[in-house]
PDB file of N, CA and C in Angstrom:
ATOM      1  N   MET A   1      54.380 107.478 177.935  1.00  0.00           N
ATOM      2  CA  MET A   1      54.178 108.886 177.771  1.00  0.00           C
ATOM      3  C   MET A   1      52.845 109.262 178.423  1.00  0.00           C
ATOM      4  N   LEU A   2      52.849 110.406 179.110  1.00  0.00           N
ATOM      5  CA  LEU A   2      51.640 110.948 179.714  1.00  0.00           C
ATOM      6  C   LEU A   2      51.520 112.401 179.282  1.00  0.00           C
ATOM      7  N   ILE A   3      50.383 112.754 178.755  1.00  0.00           N
ATOM      8  CA  ILE A   3      50.139 114.140 178.350  1.00  0.00           C
ATOM      9  C   ILE A   3      49.128 114.731 179.323  1.00  0.00           C
ATOM     10  N   LEU A   4      49.535 115.814 179.991  1.00  0.00           N
ATOM     11  CA  LEU A   4      48.674 116.476 180.965  1.00  0.00           C
ATOM     12  C   LEU A   4      48.205 117.805 180.401  1.00  0.00           C
ATOM     13  N   SER A   5      46.928 118.058 180.524  1.00  0.00           N
ATOM     14  CA  SER A   5      46.383 119.348 180.109  1.00  0.00           C
ATOM     15  C   SER A   5      45.148 119.642 180.936  1.00  0.00           C
ATOM     16  N   PHE A   6      45.259 120.653 181.764  1.00  0.00           N
ATOM     17  CA  PHE A   6      44.080 121.157 182.452  1.00  0.00           C
ATOM     18  C   PHE A   6      44.251 122.653 182.602  1.00  0.00           C
ATOM     19  N   ALA A   7      43.129 123.369 182.664  1.00  0.00           N
ATOM     20  CA  ALA A   7      43.220 124.801 182.402  1.00  0.00           C
ATOM     21  C   ALA A   7      42.490 125.723 183.357  1.00  0.00           C
ATOM     22  N   GLY A   8      42.188 125.338 184.542  1.00  0.00           N
ATOM     23  CA  GLY A   8      41.669 126.279 185.519  1.00  0.00           C
ATOM     24  C   GLY A   8      40.308 126.861 185.228  1.00  0.00           C
ATOM     25  N   ASN A   9      39.359 126.026 184.861  1.00  0.00           N
ATOM     26  CA  ASN A   9      38.027 126.540 184.551  1.00  0.00           C
ATOM     27  C   ASN A   9      37.155 126.629 185.796  1.00  0.00           C
ATOM     28  N   ASP A  10      37.737 127.054 186.913  1.00  0.00           N
ATOM     29  CA  ASP A  10      36.951 127.093 188.138  1.00  0.00           C
ATOM     30  C   ASP A  10      36.055 128.319 188.247  1.00  0.00           C
ATOM     31  N   VAL A  11      35.888 129.062 187.164  1.00  0.00           N
ATOM     32  CA  VAL A  11      34.936 130.169 187.183  1.00  0.00           C
ATOM     33  C   VAL A  11      33.533 129.693 186.820  1.00  0.00           C
ATOM     34  N   THR A  12      33.398 128.442 186.433  1.00  0.00           N
ATOM     35  CA  THR A  12      32.080 127.888 186.144  1.00  0.00           C
ATOM     36  C   THR A  12      31.506 127.289 187.425  1.00  0.00           C
ATOM     37  N   PRO A  13      30.198 127.338 187.609  1.00  0.00           N
ATOM     38  CA  PRO A  13      29.598 126.888 188.876  1.00  0.00           C
ATOM     39  C   PRO A  13      29.961 125.460 189.287  1.00  0.00           C
ATOM     40  N   CYS A  14      30.084 124.555 188.344  1.00  0.00           N
ATOM     41  CA  CYS A  14      30.350 123.162 188.710  1.00  0.00           C
ATOM     42  C   CYS A  14      31.784 122.936 189.183  1.00  0.00           C
ATOM     43  N   MET A  15      32.672 123.923 188.984  1.00  0.00           N
ATOM     44  CA  MET A  15      34.078 123.745 189.327  1.00  0.00           C
ATOM     45  C   MET A  15      34.539 124.587 190.509  1.00  0.00           C
ATOM     46  N   LEU A  16      33.629 125.316 191.144  1.00  0.00           N
ATOM     47  CA  LEU A  16      34.039 126.185 192.249  1.00  0.00           C
ATOM     48  C   LEU A  16      34.596 125.368 193.403  1.00  0.00           C
ATOM     49  N   ARG A  17      35.788 125.737 193.873  1.00  0.00           N
ATOM     50  CA  ARG A  17      36.389 125.081 195.032  1.00  0.00           C
ATOM     51  C   ARG A  17      35.955 125.762 196.324  1.00  0.00           C
ATOM     52  N   THR A  18      35.536 127.011 196.207  1.00  0.00           N
ATOM     53  CA  THR A  18      35.072 127.796 197.347  1.00  0.00           C
ATOM     54  C   THR A  18      33.781 128.493 196.924  1.00  0.00           C
ATOM     55  N   PRO A  19      33.066 129.086 197.864  1.00  0.00           N
ATOM     56  CA  PRO A  19      31.824 129.782 197.475  1.00  0.00           C
ATOM     57  C   PRO A  19      32.058 130.908 196.457  1.00  0.00           C
ATOM     58  N   GLU A  20      33.207 131.537 196.506  1.00  0.00           N
ATOM     59  CA  GLU A  20      33.534 132.608 195.568  1.00  0.00           C
ATOM     60  C   GLU A  20      34.611 132.124 194.605  1.00  0.00           C
ATOM     61  N   PRO A  21      34.561 132.554 193.355  1.00  0.00           N
ATOM     62  CA  PRO A  21      35.610 132.162 192.410  1.00  0.00           C
ATOM     63  C   PRO A  21      36.982 132.642 192.875  1.00  0.00           C
ATOM     64  N   SER A  22      37.994 131.843 192.654  1.00  0.00           N
ATOM     65  CA  SER A  22      39.372 132.217 192.959  1.00  0.00           C
ATOM     66  C   SER A  22      39.855 133.233 191.939  1.00  0.00           C
ATOM     67  N   SER A  23      40.875 133.994 192.311  1.00  0.00           N
ATOM     68  CA  SER A  23      41.522 134.857 191.331  1.00  0.00           C
ATOM     69  C   SER A  23      42.275 133.964 190.348  1.00  0.00           C
ATOM     70  N   ALA A  24      42.677 134.528 189.234  1.00  0.00           N
ATOM     71  CA  ALA A  24      43.436 133.755 188.245  1.00  0.00           C
ATOM     72  C   ALA A  24      44.709 133.186 188.863  1.00  0.00           C
ATOM     73  N   GLU A  25      45.386 133.985 189.681  1.00  0.00           N
ATOM     74  CA  GLU A  25      46.628 133.530 190.315  1.00  0.00           C
ATOM     75  C   GLU A  25      46.357 132.429 191.340  1.00  0.00           C
ATOM     76  N   GLN A  26      45.267 132.564 192.093  1.00  0.00           N
ATOM     77  CA  GLN A  26      44.910 131.506 193.044  1.00  0.00           C
ATOM     78  C   GLN A  26      44.597 130.210 192.310  1.00  0.00           C
ATOM     79  N   THR A  27      43.887 130.327 191.208  1.00  0.00           N
ATOM     80  CA  THR A  27      43.564 129.144 190.418  1.00  0.00           C
ATOM     81  C   THR A  27      44.836 128.463 189.932  1.00  0.00           C
ATOM     82  N   ALA A  28      45.764 129.242 189.382  1.00  0.00           N
ATOM     83  CA  ALA A  28      47.025 128.670 188.898  1.00  0.00           C
ATOM     84  C   ALA A  28      47.791 128.018 190.048  1.00  0.00           C
ATOM     85  N   ASP A  29      47.810 128.640 191.220  1.00  0.00           N
ATOM     86  CA  ASP A  29      48.490 128.057 192.378  1.00  0.00           C
ATOM     87  C   ASP A  29      47.844 126.732 192.790  1.00  0.00           C
ATOM     88  N   GLU A  30      46.508 126.693 192.788  1.00  0.00           N
ATOM     89  CA  GLU A  30      45.806 125.455 193.145  1.00  0.00           C
ATOM     90  C   GLU A  30      46.116 124.343 192.142  1.00  0.00           C
ATOM     91  N   TYR A  31      46.101 124.692 190.867  1.00  0.00           N
ATOM     92  CA  TYR A  31      46.389 123.693 189.850  1.00  0.00           C
ATOM     93  C   TYR A  31      47.862 123.289 189.870  1.00  0.00           C
ATOM     94  N   GLU A  32      48.755 124.199 190.232  1.00  0.00           N
ATOM     95  CA  GLU A  32      50.170 123.824 190.354  1.00  0.00           C
ATOM     96  C   GLU A  32      50.343 122.794 191.461  1.00  0.00           C
ATOM     97  N   SER A  33      49.621 122.965 192.543  1.00  0.00           N
ATOM     98  CA  SER A  33      49.658 121.979 193.623  1.00  0.00           C
ATOM     99  C   SER A  33      49.185 120.617 193.112  1.00  0.00           C
ATOM    100  N   ASP A  34      48.087 120.618 192.357  1.00  0.00           N
ATOM    101  CA  ASP A  34      47.574 119.378 191.767  1.00  0.00           C
ATOM    102  C   ASP A  34      48.594 118.773 190.802  1.00  0.00           C
ATOM    103  N   LEU A  35      49.183 119.615 189.963  1.00  0.00           N
ATOM    104  CA  LEU A  35      50.160 119.144 188.976  1.00  0.00           C
ATOM    105  C   LEU A  35      51.377 118.537 189.670  1.00  0.00           C
ATOM    106  N   THR A  36      51.849 119.186 190.730  1.00  0.00           N
ATOM    107  CA  THR A  36      52.991 118.680 191.489  1.00  0.00           C
ATOM    108  C   THR A  36      52.692 117.286 192.043  1.00  0.00           C
ATOM    109  N   ALA A  37      51.489 117.111 192.582  1.00  0.00           N
ATOM    110  CA  ALA A  37      51.105 115.806 193.133  1.00  0.00           C
ATOM    111  C   ALA A  37      51.019 114.746 192.037  1.00  0.00           C
ATOM    112  N   ILE A  38      50.470 115.111 190.898  1.00  0.00           N
ATOM    113  CA  ILE A  38      50.347 114.150 189.788  1.00  0.00           C
ATOM    114  C   ILE A  38      51.731 113.732 189.300  1.00  0.00           C
ATOM    115  N   VAL A  39      52.608 114.703 189.079  1.00  0.00           N
ATOM    116  CA  VAL A  39      53.955 114.403 188.578  1.00  0.00           C
ATOM    117  C   VAL A  39      54.713 113.532 189.583  1.00  0.00           C
ATOM    118  N   ALA A  40      54.601 113.839 190.857  1.00  0.00           N
ATOM    119  CA  ALA A  40      55.271 113.029 191.879  1.00  0.00           C
ATOM    120  C   ALA A  40      54.718 111.604 191.898  1.00  0.00           C
ATOM    121  N   GLY A  41      53.416 111.467 191.791  1.00  0.00           N
ATOM    122  CA  GLY A  41      52.801 110.143 191.781  1.00  0.00           C
ATOM    123  C   GLY A  41      53.231 109.314 190.586  1.00  0.00           C
ATOM    124  N   VAL A  42      53.276 109.934 189.426  1.00  0.00           N
ATOM    125  CA  VAL A  42      53.735 109.229 188.221  1.00  0.00           C
ATOM    126  C   VAL A  42      55.198 108.840 188.387  1.00  0.00           C
ATOM    127  N   GLY A  43      55.997 109.755 188.944  1.00  0.00           N
ATOM    128  CA  GLY A  43      57.411 109.447 189.162  1.00  0.00           C
ATOM    129  C   GLY A  43      57.625 108.255 190.073  1.00  0.00           C
ATOM    130  N   ARG A  44      56.782 108.136 191.085  1.00  0.00           N
ATOM    131  CA  ARG A  44      56.897 107.001 192.011  1.00  0.00           C
ATOM    132  C   ARG A  44      56.438 105.690 191.377  1.00  0.00           C
ATOM    133  N   THR A  45      55.344 105.731 190.643  1.00  0.00           N
ATOM    134  CA  THR A  45      54.751 104.493 190.137  1.00  0.00           C
ATOM    135  C   THR A  45      55.249 104.086 188.757  1.00  0.00           C
ATOM    136  N   SER A  46      55.739 105.049 187.991  1.00  0.00           N
ATOM    137  CA  SER A  46      56.179 104.755 186.625  1.00  0.00           C
ATOM    138  C   SER A  46      57.316 105.700 186.237  1.00  0.00           C
ATOM    139  N   PRO A  47      58.489 105.520 186.854  1.00  0.00           N
ATOM    140  CA  PRO A  47      59.576 106.485 186.684  1.00  0.00           C
ATOM    141  C   PRO A  47      60.075 106.660 185.246  1.00  0.00           C
ATOM    142  N   ASP A  48      59.817 105.704 184.382  1.00  0.00           N
ATOM    143  CA  ASP A  48      60.265 105.834 182.991  1.00  0.00           C
ATOM    144  C   ASP A  48      59.262 106.580 182.109  1.00  0.00           C
ATOM    145  N   THR A  49      58.122 106.933 182.668  1.00  0.00           N
ATOM    146  CA  THR A  49      57.106 107.645 181.889  1.00  0.00           C
ATOM    147  C   THR A  49      57.534 109.088 181.676  1.00  0.00           C
ATOM    148  N   ARG A  50      57.552 109.526 180.435  1.00  0.00           N
ATOM    149  CA  ARG A  50      57.833 110.925 180.102  1.00  0.00           C
ATOM    150  C   ARG A  50      56.520 111.690 180.190  1.00  0.00           C
ATOM    151  N   ILE A  51      56.575 112.854 180.816  1.00  0.00           N
ATOM    152  CA  ILE A  51      55.387 113.673 180.994  1.00  0.00           C
ATOM    153  C   ILE A  51      55.503 114.917 180.132  1.00  0.00           C
ATOM    154  N   TYR A  52      54.458 115.172 179.375  1.00  0.00           N
ATOM    155  CA  TYR A  52      54.373 116.377 178.545  1.00  0.00           C
ATOM    156  C   TYR A  52      53.181 117.187 179.032  1.00  0.00           C
ATOM    157  N   MET A  53      53.390 118.481 179.182  1.00  0.00           N
ATOM    158  CA  MET A  53      52.317 119.363 179.648  1.00  0.00           C
ATOM    159  C   MET A  53      51.861 120.234 178.485  1.00  0.00           C
ATOM    160  N   VAL A  54      50.565 120.342 178.324  1.00  0.00           N
ATOM    161  CA  VAL A  54      49.981 121.154 177.259  1.00  0.00           C
ATOM    162  C   VAL A  54      49.201 122.292 177.915  1.00  0.00           C
ATOM    163  N   PRO A  55      49.709 123.518 177.796  1.00  0.00           N
ATOM    164  CA  PRO A  55      48.996 124.638 178.408  1.00  0.00           C
ATOM    165  C   PRO A  55      47.754 124.998 177.605  1.00  0.00           C
ATOM    166  N   PRO A  56      46.857 125.749 178.221  1.00  0.00           N
ATOM    167  CA  PRO A  56      45.637 126.137 177.513  1.00  0.00           C
ATOM    168  C   PRO A  56      45.939 127.147 176.405  1.00  0.00           C
ATOM    169  N   PRO A  57      45.173 127.104 175.342  1.00  0.00           N
ATOM    170  CA  PRO A  57      45.340 128.079 174.261  1.00  0.00           C
ATOM    171  C   PRO A  57      44.734 129.419 174.676  1.00  0.00           C
ATOM    172  N   PRO A  58      44.975 130.472 173.904  1.00  0.00           N
ATOM    173  CA  PRO A  58      44.284 131.740 174.167  1.00  0.00           C
ATOM    174  C   PRO A  58      42.768 131.528 174.110  1.00  0.00           C
ATOM    175  N   VAL A  59      42.062 132.261 174.944  1.00  0.00           N
ATOM    176  CA  VAL A  59      40.619 132.124 175.055  1.00  0.00           C
ATOM    177  C   VAL A  59      39.971 133.470 174.717  1.00  0.00           C
ATOM    178  N   ARG A  60      38.935 133.452 173.939  1.00  0.00           N
ATOM    179  CA  ARG A  60      38.290 134.683 173.479  1.00  0.00           C
ATOM    180  C   ARG A  60      37.707 135.498 174.624  1.00  0.00           C
ATOM    181  N   ASP A  61      36.988 134.856 175.533  1.00  0.00           N
ATOM    182  CA  ASP A  61      36.292 135.570 176.597  1.00  0.00           C
ATOM    183  C   ASP A  61      37.267 135.987 177.701  1.00  0.00           C
ATOM    184  N   ALA A  62      37.297 137.283 178.004  1.00  0.00           N
ATOM    185  CA  ALA A  62      38.226 137.814 179.002  1.00  0.00           C
ATOM    186  C   ALA A  62      38.069 137.125 180.354  1.00  0.00           C
ATOM    187  N   GLU A  63      36.845 136.777 180.724  1.00  0.00           N
ATOM    188  CA  GLU A  63      36.592 136.113 182.001  1.00  0.00           C
ATOM    189  C   GLU A  63      37.400 134.820 182.115  1.00  0.00           C
ATOM    190  N   PHE A  64      37.549 134.110 181.029  1.00  0.00           N
ATOM    191  CA  PHE A  64      38.274 132.845 181.025  1.00  0.00           C
ATOM    192  C   PHE A  64      39.741 133.026 180.636  1.00  0.00           C
ATOM    193  N   GLU A  65      40.050 134.032 179.826  1.00  0.00           N
ATOM    194  CA  GLU A  65      41.430 134.243 179.378  1.00  0.00           C
ATOM    195  C   GLU A  65      42.350 134.582 180.544  1.00  0.00           C
ATOM    196  N   SER A  66      41.868 135.307 181.528  1.00  0.00           N
ATOM    197  CA  SER A  66      42.751 135.636 182.653  1.00  0.00           C
ATOM    198  C   SER A  66      43.229 134.369 183.359  1.00  0.00           C
ATOM    199  N   ASN A  67      42.345 133.397 183.531  1.00  0.00           N
ATOM    200  CA  ASN A  67      42.759 132.118 184.117  1.00  0.00           C
ATOM    201  C   ASN A  67      43.696 131.367 183.177  1.00  0.00           C
ATOM    202  N   ALA A  68      43.385 131.360 181.892  1.00  0.00           N
ATOM    203  CA  ALA A  68      44.234 130.649 180.931  1.00  0.00           C
ATOM    204  C   ALA A  68      45.634 131.246 180.901  1.00  0.00           C
ATOM    205  N   ALA A  69      45.725 132.579 180.951  1.00  0.00           N
ATOM    206  CA  ALA A  69      47.039 133.234 180.949  1.00  0.00           C
ATOM    207  C   ALA A  69      47.822 132.865 182.209  1.00  0.00           C
ATOM    208  N   ALA A  70      47.153 132.860 183.351  1.00  0.00           N
ATOM    209  CA  ALA A  70      47.820 132.473 184.599  1.00  0.00           C
ATOM    210  C   ALA A  70      48.265 131.016 184.539  1.00  0.00           C
ATOM    211  N   MET A  71      47.445 130.164 183.940  1.00  0.00           N
ATOM    212  CA  MET A  71      47.813 128.757 183.799  1.00  0.00           C
ATOM    213  C   MET A  71      49.010 128.594 182.869  1.00  0.00           C
ATOM    214  N   ARG A  72      49.037 129.335 181.754  1.00  0.00           N
ATOM    215  CA  ARG A  72      50.191 129.253 180.847  1.00  0.00           C
ATOM    216  C   ARG A  72      51.467 129.661 181.565  1.00  0.00           C
ATOM    217  N   SER A  73      51.397 130.724 182.355  1.00  0.00           N
ATOM    218  CA  SER A  73      52.574 131.156 183.124  1.00  0.00           C
ATOM    219  C   SER A  73      53.011 130.079 184.110  1.00  0.00           C
ATOM    220  N   MET A  74      52.036 129.457 184.779  1.00  0.00           N
ATOM    221  CA  MET A  74      52.360 128.401 185.731  1.00  0.00           C
ATOM    222  C   MET A  74      53.006 127.216 185.020  1.00  0.00           C
ATOM    223  N   TYR A  75      52.454 126.799 183.889  1.00  0.00           N
ATOM    224  CA  TYR A  75      53.038 125.688 183.125  1.00  0.00           C
ATOM    225  C   TYR A  75      54.471 126.022 182.696  1.00  0.00           C
ATOM    226  N   ASP A  76      54.701 127.245 182.220  1.00  0.00           N
ATOM    227  CA  ASP A  76      56.050 127.656 181.811  1.00  0.00           C
ATOM    228  C   ASP A  76      57.016 127.573 182.992  1.00  0.00           C
ATOM    229  N   ARG A  77      56.609 128.137 184.122  1.00  0.00           N
ATOM    230  CA  ARG A  77      57.461 128.128 185.314  1.00  0.00           C
ATOM    231  C   ARG A  77      57.717 126.687 185.796  1.00  0.00           C
ATOM    232  N   PHE A  78      56.661 125.887 185.820  1.00  0.00           N
ATOM    233  CA  PHE A  78      56.792 124.497 186.274  1.00  0.00           C
ATOM    234  C   PHE A  78      57.774 123.741 185.377  1.00  0.00           C
ATOM    235  N   GLY A  79      57.645 123.945 184.064  1.00  0.00           N
ATOM    236  CA  GLY A  79      58.548 123.274 183.127  1.00  0.00           C
ATOM    237  C   GLY A  79      60.001 123.684 183.315  1.00  0.00           C
ATOM    238  N   ARG A  80      60.242 124.969 183.588  1.00  0.00           N
ATOM    239  CA  ARG A  80      61.608 125.429 183.831  1.00  0.00           C
ATOM    240  C   ARG A  80      62.163 124.842 185.124  1.00  0.00           C
ATOM    241  N   GLU A  81      61.319 124.740 186.144  1.00  0.00           N
ATOM    242  CA  GLU A  81      61.756 124.213 187.440  1.00  0.00           C
ATOM    243  C   GLU A  81      61.910 122.697 187.446  1.00  0.00           C
ATOM    244  N   HIS A  82      61.222 122.030 186.502  1.00  0.00           N
ATOM    245  CA  HIS A  82      61.257 120.559 186.416  1.00  0.00           C
ATOM    246  C   HIS A  82      61.525 120.152 184.969  1.00  0.00           C
ATOM    247  N   PRO A  83      62.715 120.409 184.465  1.00  0.00           N
ATOM    248  CA  PRO A  83      62.979 120.130 183.043  1.00  0.00           C
ATOM    249  C   PRO A  83      62.878 118.656 182.665  1.00  0.00           C
ATOM    250  N   GLU A  84      62.954 117.775 183.633  1.00  0.00           N
ATOM    251  CA  GLU A  84      62.851 116.348 183.338  1.00  0.00           C
ATOM    252  C   GLU A  84      61.441 115.987 182.956  1.00  0.00           C
TER     253      GLU A  84
END
């Protein structure tokens, strides 16, 4: 079993992928790309491993909640597209 949980905290200085913060949707797209690569890698190296994804919980601060909401939507969509 593998439990994956990451939540798009690229609005903090140490996590910036570009000089400017990404939009919430860009962040979710970037993390979906990462998630796709991780799931594919696990599938190749350990095909019997069940993967569970844990989306981020609601976040009090609006600055961070917009990313968390986009991540939750991405996790929901990813799970529907990859029910295995």
